[in-house]
C-alpha atoms as a PDB file:
ATOM      1  CA  UNK A   1      11.765 -26.707 112.725  1.00  0.00           C
ATOM      2  CA  UNK A   2       8.487 -24.831 112.786  1.00  0.00           C
ATOM      3  CA  UNK A   3       7.294 -22.389 110.099  1.00  0.00           C
ATOM      4  CA  UNK A   4       8.671 -18.945 110.868  1.00  0.00           C
ATOM      5  CA  UNK A   5      11.829 -20.224 112.577  1.00  0.00           C
ATOM      6  CA  UNK A   6      15.092 -18.518 111.610  1.00  0.00           C
ATOM      7  CA  UNK A   7      18.734 -19.607 111.674  1.00  0.00           C
ATOM      8  CA  UNK A   8      21.283 -17.447 113.415  1.00  0.00           C
ATOM      9  CA  UNK A   9      24.852 -17.812 112.178  1.00  0.00           C
ATOM     10  CA  UNK A  10      27.474 -17.595 114.945  1.00  0.00           C
ATOM     11  CA  UNK A  11      30.610 -15.831 113.618  1.00  0.00           C
ATOM     12  CA  UNK A  12      33.602 -18.166 113.219  1.00  0.00           C
ATOM     13  CA  UNK A  13      35.673 -16.314 115.821  1.00  0.00           C
ATOM     14  CA  UNK A  14      33.009 -16.850 118.493  1.00  0.00           C
ATOM     15  CA  UNK A  15      32.622 -20.630 118.202  1.00  0.00           C
ATOM     16  CA  UNK A  16      34.751 -23.715 118.313  1.00  0.00           C
ATOM     17  CA  UNK A  17      33.320 -25.412 115.220  1.00  0.00           C
ATOM     18  CA  UNK A  18      30.693 -25.152 112.501  1.00  0.00           C
ATOM     19  CA  UNK A  19      27.405 -24.442 114.217  1.00  0.00           C
ATOM     20  CA  UNK A  20      24.088 -22.789 113.533  1.00  0.00           C
ATOM     21  CA  UNK A  21      21.513 -22.086 116.184  1.00  0.00           C
ATOM     22  CA  UNK A  22      17.799 -22.220 115.468  1.00  0.00           C
ATOM     23  CA  UNK A  23      15.730 -19.441 116.972  1.00  0.00           C
ATOM     24  CA  UNK A  24      12.046 -20.178 117.102  1.00  0.00           C
ATOM     25  CA  UNK A  25       9.495 -17.398 116.745  1.00  0.00           C
ATOM     26  CA  UNK A  26       6.580 -19.754 117.237  1.00  0.00           C
ATOM     27  CA  UNK A  27       7.378 -21.220 120.657  1.00  0.00           C
ATOM     28  CA  UNK A  28       9.018 -18.931 123.246  1.00  0.00           C
ATOM     29  CA  UNK A  29       9.572 -21.710 125.783  1.00  0.00           C
ATOM     30  CA  UNK A  30       8.956 -25.343 126.631  1.00  0.00           C
ATOM     31  CA  UNK A  31       5.367 -26.481 126.564  1.00  0.00           C
ATOM     32  CA  UNK A  32       3.919 -28.172 129.651  1.00  0.00           C
ATOM     33  CA  UNK A  33       4.113 -31.946 129.422  1.00  0.00           C
ATOM     34  CA  UNK A  34       6.659 -31.901 126.578  1.00  0.00           C
ATOM     35  CA  UNK A  35      10.401 -32.352 126.777  1.00  0.00           C
ATOM     36  CA  UNK A  36      12.181 -29.067 125.947  1.00  0.00           C
ATOM     37  CA  UNK A  37      14.318 -30.712 123.244  1.00  0.00           C
ATOM     38  CA  UNK A  38      17.744 -32.262 123.100  1.00  0.00           C
ATOM     39  CA  UNK A  39      19.574 -30.903 126.157  1.00  0.00           C
ATOM     40  CA  UNK A  40      22.977 -32.057 124.869  1.00  0.00           C
ATOM     41  CA  UNK A  41      22.756 -29.861 121.765  1.00  0.00           C
ATOM     42  CA  UNK A  42      21.878 -26.762 123.832  1.00  0.00           C
ATOM     43  CA  UNK A  43      24.665 -27.402 126.339  1.00  0.00           C
ATOM     44  CA  UNK A  44      27.410 -27.240 123.726  1.00  0.00           C
ATOM     45  CA  UNK A  45      26.414 -23.687 122.752  1.00  0.00           C
ATOM     46  CA  UNK A  46      26.474 -22.580 126.383  1.00  0.00           C
ATOM     47  CA  UNK A  47      29.884 -24.207 126.869  1.00  0.00           C
ATOM     48  CA  UNK A  48      31.245 -22.652 123.671  1.00  0.00           C
ATOM     49  CA  UNK A  49      30.249 -19.139 124.771  1.00  0.00           C
ATOM     50  CA  UNK A  50      31.555 -19.726 128.302  1.00  0.00           C
ATOM     51  CA  UNK A  51      34.947 -21.040 127.164  1.00  0.00           C
ATOM     52  CA  UNK A  52      35.299 -18.388 124.432  1.00  0.00           C
ATOM     53  CA  UNK A  53      34.775 -15.666 127.065  1.00  0.00           C
ATOM     54  CA  UNK A  54      37.737 -17.012 129.059  1.00  0.00           C
ATOM     55  CA  UNK A  55      39.936 -17.516 125.978  1.00  0.00           C
ATOM     56  CA  UNK A  56      39.255 -14.186 124.236  1.00  0.00           C
ATOM     57  CA  UNK A  57      39.576 -12.110 127.409  1.00  0.00           C
ATOM     58  CA  UNK A  58      42.577 -14.057 128.767  1.00  0.00           C
ATOM     59  CA  UNK A  59      40.541 -14.371 131.980  1.00  0.00           C
ATOM     60  CA  UNK A  60      42.171 -16.555 134.666  1.00  0.00           C
ATOM     61  CA  UNK A  61      40.061 -19.624 135.428  1.00  0.00           C
ATOM     62  CA  UNK A  62      39.874 -21.764 138.525  1.00  0.00           C
ATOM     63  CA  UNK A  63      39.013 -25.373 137.707  1.00  0.00           C
ATOM     64  CA  UNK A  64      37.785 -27.640 140.495  1.00  0.00           C
ATOM     65  CA  UNK A  65      38.140 -31.368 139.907  1.00  0.00           C
ATOM     66  CA  UNK A  66      35.862 -34.113 141.222  1.00  0.00           C
ATOM     67  CA  UNK A  67      38.345 -34.900 144.013  1.00  0.00           C
ATOM     68  CA  UNK A  68      38.321 -31.262 145.252  1.00  0.00           C
ATOM     69  CA  UNK A  69      41.724 -30.313 143.813  1.00  0.00           C
ATOM     70  CA  UNK A  70      41.789 -26.925 142.082  1.00  0.00           C
ATOM     71  CA  UNK A  71      43.977 -25.602 139.299  1.00  0.00           C
ATOM     72  CA  UNK A  72      44.304 -21.954 138.291  1.00  0.00           C
ATOM     73  CA  UNK A  73      45.374 -21.028 134.773  1.00  0.00           C
ATOM     74  CA  UNK A  74      44.393 -19.566 131.418  1.00  0.00           C
ATOM     75  CA  UNK A  75      42.144 -21.458 129.014  1.00  0.00           C
ATOM     76  CA  UNK A  76      43.897 -21.809 125.669  1.00  0.00           C
ATOM     77  CA  UNK A  77      41.485 -24.093 123.794  1.00  0.00           C
ATOM     78  CA  UNK A  78      38.804 -26.761 124.085  1.00  0.00           C
ATOM     79  CA  UNK A  79      36.975 -29.466 122.203  1.00  0.00           C
ATOM     80  CA  UNK A  80      34.196 -31.933 122.953  1.00  0.00           C
ATOM     81  CA  UNK A  81      36.109 -33.863 125.621  1.00  0.00           C
ATOM     82  CA  UNK A  82      39.003 -31.717 126.852  1.00  0.00           C
ATOM     83  CA  UNK A  83      40.162 -28.242 127.849  1.00  0.00           C
ATOM     84  CA  UNK A  84      43.673 -26.953 127.154  1.00  0.00           C
ATOM     85  CA  UNK A  85      44.853 -24.951 130.164  1.00  0.00           C
ATOM     86  CA  UNK A  86      48.101 -23.004 130.596  1.00  0.00           C
ATOM     87  CA  UNK A  87      49.381 -23.264 134.174  1.00  0.00           C
ATOM     88  CA  UNK A  88      52.635 -21.504 135.096  1.00  0.00           C
ATOM     89  CA  UNK A  89      53.733 -21.359 131.410  1.00  0.00           C
ATOM     90  CA  UNK A  90      53.070 -25.080 130.858  1.00  0.00           C
ATOM     91  CA  UNK A  91      50.178 -26.596 128.922  1.00  0.00           C
ATOM     92  CA  UNK A  92      47.855 -28.993 130.746  1.00  0.00           C
ATOM     93  CA  UNK A  93      45.216 -31.082 128.984  1.00  0.00           C
ATOM     94  CA  UNK A  94      42.194 -31.400 131.288  1.00  0.00           C
ATOM     95  CA  UNK A  95      39.441 -33.891 130.510  1.00  0.00           C
ATOM     96  CA  UNK A  96      35.971 -32.419 131.026  1.00  0.00           C
ATOM     97  CA  UNK A  97      34.763 -35.636 132.661  1.00  0.00           C
ATOM     98  CA  UNK A  98      37.110 -34.931 135.600  1.00  0.00           C
ATOM     99  CA  UNK A  99      35.876 -31.347 136.140  1.00  0.00           C
ATOM    100  CA  UNK A 100      33.307 -30.419 138.776  1.00  0.00           C
ATOM    101  CA  UNK A 101      33.234 -26.637 138.168  1.00  0.00           C
ATOM    102  CA  UNK A 102      34.975 -23.775 136.364  1.00  0.00           C
ATOM    103  CA  UNK A 103      34.860 -20.158 137.484  1.00  0.00           C
ATOM    104  CA  UNK A 104      36.670 -16.876 137.085  1.00  0.00           C
ATOM    105  CA  UNK A 105      39.657 -16.668 139.410  1.00  0.00           C
ATOM    106  CA  UNK A 106      39.868 -13.328 141.208  1.00  0.00           C
ATOM    107  CA  UNK A 107      43.129 -13.787 143.163  1.00  0.00           C
ATOM    108  CA  UNK A 108      46.710 -14.215 142.058  1.00  0.00           C
ATOM    109  CA  UNK A 109      47.510 -17.254 139.920  1.00  0.00           C
ATOM    110  CA  UNK A 110      49.151 -19.946 142.068  1.00  0.00           C
ATOM    111  CA  UNK A 111      48.976 -23.072 139.897  1.00  0.00           C
ATOM    112  CA  UNK A 112      47.830 -26.388 141.396  1.00  0.00           C
ATOM    113  CA  UNK A 113      46.215 -26.359 144.846  1.00  0.00           C
ATOM    114  CA  UNK A 114      44.593 -28.849 147.173  1.00  0.00           C
ATOM    115  CA  UNK A 115      41.421 -27.712 148.924  1.00  0.00           C
END
């Protein structure tokens, strides 16, 4: 941490676990020739906000798996390795390693589909 950096506390209801995010006043962006930092630590905050948006708003999600199969349901929870999805009133545990993409579903919920 550089002098002048501040910590921003993320309210408990908007995150999946104990986390604090450092906001730097001294360096607005990556410096040329230097790695921008630990990408894995930044990714988790992006994922947390993304998943919380779907959970809090009860937004239907379409999940596309590596094999092209899609599932439409409501996100109910998540952790480091898995997403809990409700599909047609049944819970489905989806491992993140099997997911290619997640997006908002704009049509009617139809459960499991093959592309």
